[in-house]
C-alpha atoms as a PDB file:
ATOM      1  CA  MET A   1      -3.502  10.056   7.062  1.00  0.00           C
ATOM      2  CA  GLN A   2      -4.501  14.201   6.863  1.00  0.00           C
ATOM      3  CA  LEU A   3      -3.808  16.635   4.104  1.00  0.00           C
ATOM      4  CA  ASP A   4      -1.228  18.298   6.192  1.00  0.00           C
ATOM      5  CA  ASP A   5       0.716  15.358   5.720  1.00  0.00           C
ATOM      6  CA  LEU A   6       1.278  15.032   2.042  1.00  0.00           C
ATOM      7  CA  GLU A   7       4.254  17.416   2.090  1.00  0.00           C
ATOM      8  CA  GLN A   8       6.360  14.160   3.600  1.00  0.00           C
ATOM      9  CA  VAL A   9       4.459  11.424   1.835  1.00  0.00           C
ATOM     10  CA  MET A  10       4.981  13.328  -0.852  1.00  0.00           C
ATOM     11  CA  GLU A  11       8.719  12.992  -0.815  1.00  0.00           C
ATOM     12  CA  ILE A  12       8.474   9.369   0.518  1.00  0.00           C
ATOM     13  CA  GLU A  13       6.405   8.565  -2.673  1.00  0.00           C
ATOM     14  CA  ASN A  14       9.245  10.059  -5.047  1.00  0.00           C
ATOM     15  CA  GLU A  15      11.785   8.635  -3.290  1.00  0.00           C
ATOM     16  CA  ASN A  16      10.385   5.130  -4.186  1.00  0.00           C
ATOM     17  CA  PHE A  17       8.624   5.131  -6.919  1.00  0.00           C
ATOM     18  CA  SER A  18       9.727   6.110 -10.933  1.00  0.00           C
ATOM     19  CA  VAL A  19       6.485   7.237 -11.441  1.00  0.00           C
ATOM     20  CA  PRO A  20       4.962   8.774  -8.172  1.00  0.00           C
ATOM     21  CA  TRP A  21       1.261   9.620  -7.685  1.00  0.00           C
ATOM     22  CA  THR A  22       0.455  12.931  -7.772  1.00  0.00           C
ATOM     23  CA  GLU A  23      -0.350  15.336  -4.542  1.00  0.00           C
ATOM     24  CA  THR A  24      -3.659  15.961  -6.237  1.00  0.00           C
ATOM     25  CA  GLY A  25      -3.713  12.197  -6.668  1.00  0.00           C
ATOM     26  CA  PHE A  26      -3.744  11.673  -3.312  1.00  0.00           C
ATOM     27  CA  PHE A  27      -6.091  14.670  -2.297  1.00  0.00           C
ATOM     28  CA  THR A  28      -8.338  12.594  -4.321  1.00  0.00           C
ATOM     29  CA  PHE A  29      -8.345   9.755  -2.492  1.00  0.00           C
ATOM     30  CA  LEU A  30      -8.199  11.278   1.027  1.00  0.00           C
ATOM     31  CA  ILE A  31     -11.628  13.253   0.158  1.00  0.00           C
ATOM     32  CA  ARG A  32     -13.455  10.118  -0.978  1.00  0.00           C
ATOM     33  CA  GLU A  33     -15.551   8.274   1.493  1.00  0.00           C
ATOM     34  CA  ASP A  34     -14.540   4.629   0.544  1.00  0.00           C
ATOM     35  CA  THR A  35     -10.923   4.976   0.966  1.00  0.00           C
ATOM     36  CA  LEU A  36      -8.369   4.385   3.896  1.00  0.00           C
ATOM     37  CA  PHE A  37      -5.097   5.954   4.014  1.00  0.00           C
ATOM     38  CA  LEU A  38      -2.859   5.263   6.997  1.00  0.00           C
ATOM     39  CA  VAL A  39       0.727   6.859   8.104  1.00  0.00           C
ATOM     40  CA  ALA A  40       3.709   5.538  10.509  1.00  0.00           C
ATOM     41  CA  GLN A  41       5.271   8.383  12.369  1.00  0.00           C
ATOM     42  CA  GLU A  42       7.764   9.098  14.693  1.00  0.00           C
ATOM     43  CA  LYS A  43       7.032  12.278  16.636  1.00  0.00           C
ATOM     44  CA  GLU A  44       6.492  14.664  13.618  1.00  0.00           C
ATOM     45  CA  GLU A  45       8.159  12.886  10.998  1.00  0.00           C
ATOM     46  CA  ILE A  46       6.116  10.007   9.430  1.00  0.00           C
ATOM     47  CA  LEU A  47       7.896   7.006   8.157  1.00  0.00           C
ATOM     48  CA  GLY A  48       5.561   5.665   6.206  1.00  0.00           C
ATOM     49  CA  TYR A  49       2.063   4.997   4.413  1.00  0.00           C
ATOM     50  CA  CYS A  50      -0.597   2.632   2.482  1.00  0.00           C
ATOM     51  CA  GLY A  51      -3.830   2.807   1.023  1.00  0.00           C
ATOM     52  CA  VAL A  52      -7.144   0.918   0.384  1.00  0.00           C
ATOM     53  CA  VAL A  53      -9.700   1.961  -1.574  1.00  0.00           C
ATOM     54  CA  MET A  54     -13.172  -0.442  -0.536  1.00  0.00           C
ATOM     55  CA  VAL A  55     -15.828  -1.641  -2.788  1.00  0.00           C
ATOM     56  CA  GLN A  56     -18.649  -3.330  -1.194  1.00  0.00           C
ATOM     57  CA  ASP A  57     -16.677  -6.391   0.669  1.00  0.00           C
ATOM     58  CA  GLU A  58     -13.098  -5.810  -1.328  1.00  0.00           C
ATOM     59  CA  GLY A  59     -10.360  -3.333  -0.775  1.00  0.00           C
ATOM     60  CA  ASP A  60      -7.779  -2.656  -3.383  1.00  0.00           C
ATOM     61  CA  ILE A  61      -4.429  -1.686  -1.743  1.00  0.00           C
ATOM     62  CA  THR A  62      -3.344   1.465  -3.744  1.00  0.00           C
ATOM     63  CA  ASN A  63       0.222   2.336  -2.106  1.00  0.00           C
ATOM     64  CA  VAL A  64       2.906   0.836   0.222  1.00  0.00           C
ATOM     65  CA  ALA A  65       5.960   2.762   0.835  1.00  0.00           C
ATOM     66  CA  VAL A  66       8.155   3.319   3.574  1.00  0.00           C
ATOM     67  CA  LYS A  67      11.081   6.016   3.840  1.00  0.00           C
ATOM     68  CA  LYS A  68      14.091   4.752   2.487  1.00  0.00           C
ATOM     69  CA  SER A  69      16.134   5.390   5.776  1.00  0.00           C
ATOM     70  CA  TRP A  70      13.088   3.338   7.811  1.00  0.00           C
ATOM     71  CA  GLN A  71      12.871   0.399   4.909  1.00  0.00           C
ATOM     72  CA  ASN A  72      13.547  -3.318   6.655  1.00  0.00           C
ATOM     73  CA  GLN A  73      13.062  -2.226   9.970  1.00  0.00           C
ATOM     74  CA  GLY A  74       8.967  -3.548  10.290  1.00  0.00           C
ATOM     75  CA  VAL A  75       7.128  -0.436   9.444  1.00  0.00           C
ATOM     76  CA  GLY A  76       5.546  -1.699   6.477  1.00  0.00           C
ATOM     77  CA  LYS A  77       4.502  -4.841   7.731  1.00  0.00           C
ATOM     78  CA  LYS A  78       3.104  -2.920  11.031  1.00  0.00           C
ATOM     79  CA  LEU A  79       1.274  -0.718   8.643  1.00  0.00           C
ATOM     80  CA  MET A  80      -0.144  -3.459   6.215  1.00  0.00           C
ATOM     81  CA  GLU A  81      -0.995  -5.226   9.824  1.00  0.00           C
ATOM     82  CA  GLU A  82      -3.112  -2.208  10.890  1.00  0.00           C
ATOM     83  CA  LEU A  83      -4.437  -2.048   6.910  1.00  0.00           C
ATOM     84  CA  VAL A  84      -5.547  -5.674   7.166  1.00  0.00           C
ATOM     85  CA  LYS A  85      -7.408  -5.048  10.811  1.00  0.00           C
ATOM     86  CA  SER A  86      -9.238  -2.012   9.994  1.00  0.00           C
ATOM     87  CA  THR A  87     -10.457  -3.208   6.660  1.00  0.00           C
ATOM     88  CA  GLU A  88     -11.691  -6.226   7.823  1.00  0.00           C
ATOM     89  CA  GLN A  89     -13.863  -3.892  10.674  1.00  0.00           C
ATOM     90  CA  GLU A  90     -14.915  -2.308   7.989  1.00  0.00           C
ATOM     91  CA  GLY A  91     -16.322  -5.706   6.608  1.00  0.00           C
ATOM     92  CA  VAL A  92     -13.910  -5.968   3.606  1.00  0.00           C
ATOM     93  CA  ALA A  93     -13.363 -10.174   3.304  1.00  0.00           C
ATOM     94  CA  ARG A  94     -10.628 -10.194   0.411  1.00  0.00           C
ATOM     95  CA  LEU A  95      -7.773  -7.577  -0.335  1.00  0.00           C
ATOM     96  CA  PHE A  96      -6.126  -7.171  -3.419  1.00  0.00           C
ATOM     97  CA  LEU A  97      -3.281  -5.834  -4.575  1.00  0.00           C
ATOM     98  CA  GLU A  98      -0.322  -5.306  -7.256  1.00  0.00           C
ATOM     99  CA  VAL A  99       3.465  -6.060  -7.104  1.00  0.00           C
ATOM    100  CA  ARG A 100       6.637  -5.732  -9.100  1.00  0.00           C
ATOM    101  CA  ALA A 101       7.813  -9.020  -9.831  1.00  0.00           C
ATOM    102  CA  SER A 102      11.103  -7.835  -8.649  1.00  0.00           C
ATOM    103  CA  ASN A 103      10.030  -6.393  -5.378  1.00  0.00           C
ATOM    104  CA  GLU A 104      11.264  -9.599  -3.434  1.00  0.00           C
ATOM    105  CA  PRO A 105      10.807  -7.677   0.043  1.00  0.00           C
ATOM    106  CA  ALA A 106       7.114  -6.801  -0.666  1.00  0.00           C
ATOM    107  CA  LEU A 107       6.540  -9.968  -2.143  1.00  0.00           C
ATOM    108  CA  ARG A 108       8.143 -11.914   1.381  1.00  0.00           C
ATOM    109  CA  LEU A 109       5.931  -9.513   3.226  1.00  0.00           C
ATOM    110  CA  TYR A 110       2.626 -10.133   1.162  1.00  0.00           C
ATOM    111  CA  ARG A 111       2.894 -13.718   1.200  1.00  0.00           C
ATOM    112  CA  ASN A 112       3.751 -13.741   5.212  1.00  0.00           C
ATOM    113  CA  MET A 113       0.807 -11.898   5.641  1.00  0.00           C
ATOM    114  CA  GLY A 114      -1.423 -14.399   4.407  1.00  0.00           C
ATOM    115  CA  PHE A 115      -1.186 -13.158   0.217  1.00  0.00           C
ATOM    116  CA  VAL A 116      -1.414 -15.656  -2.924  1.00  0.00           C
ATOM    117  CA  GLN A 117      -0.122 -14.426  -6.418  1.00  0.00           C
ATOM    118  CA  THR A 118      -3.679 -14.932  -8.755  1.00  0.00           C
ATOM    119  CA  GLY A 119      -2.352 -13.540 -11.762  1.00  0.00           C
ATOM    120  CA  ILE A 120       0.153 -11.294 -13.510  1.00  0.00           C
ATOM    121  CA  ARG A 121      -0.308  -8.330 -15.398  1.00  0.00           C
ATOM    122  CA  LYS A 122       2.361  -8.123 -18.292  1.00  0.00           C
ATOM    123  CA  ASN A 123       3.789  -4.937 -18.696  1.00  0.00           C
ATOM    124  CA  TYR A 124       1.641  -3.053 -15.862  1.00  0.00           C
ATOM    125  CA  TYR A 125       4.775  -1.174 -14.795  1.00  0.00           C
ATOM    126  CA  GLU A 126       6.437   1.519 -16.546  1.00  0.00           C
ATOM    127  CA  GLU A 127       9.980   2.717 -15.943  1.00  0.00           C
ATOM    128  CA  PRO A 128      11.443   0.546 -16.004  1.00  0.00           C
ATOM    129  CA  ARG A 129       8.517  -1.775 -17.543  1.00  0.00           C
ATOM    130  CA  GLU A 130       7.495  -4.875 -15.443  1.00  0.00           C
ATOM    131  CA  ASP A 131       4.648  -7.044 -14.746  1.00  0.00           C
ATOM    132  CA  GLY A 132       3.167  -6.558 -11.841  1.00  0.00           C
ATOM    133  CA  ILE A 133       2.317  -9.831  -9.952  1.00  0.00           C
ATOM    134  CA  VAL A 134      -1.613  -9.548  -8.614  1.00  0.00           C
ATOM    135  CA  MET A 135      -2.021 -10.628  -4.916  1.00  0.00           C
ATOM    136  CA  MET A 136      -5.091 -11.562  -3.131  1.00  0.00           C
ATOM    137  CA  ARG A 137      -5.320 -12.155   0.892  1.00  0.00           C
ATOM    138  CA  GLU A 138      -9.176 -13.776   2.624  1.00  0.00           C
ATOM    139  CA  ARG A 139     -10.505 -12.515   5.923  1.00  0.00           C
ATOM    140  CA  GLY A 140      -8.026 -14.430   8.448  1.00  0.00           C
ATOM    141  CA  GLU A 141      -5.630 -15.935   6.616  1.00  0.00           C
ATOM    142  CA  MET A 142      -2.749 -13.983   8.402  1.00  0.00           C
END
């Protein structure tokens, strides 16, 4: 992800999340050395994005989103596969994420990629208030 991608990224962020990140929030993460943000695009159109913060041998996936018109077409899976591959090349052994308890398509994707539930964060999400499922994946679990 580049700074000039933010306009399209913000459109996807706003259509997918009831409490979206701000453009400043993305900018703050993009300039850090310990983050990796990827976009999927076709020609000039950004279809989706994902990001991770890496600390030593662990990574915390911060965002995964796909443009509504491109959902259920494998974009999220390809983004996650590339994110896993890239973080493993950086020495990350464990990836963590949180996902809404009701987000069955995402839960299915993450489980199929080797993520397992390690906990629940009660009332983690707002608007609507909902539990977050904490998941983790060890290197080589795909």
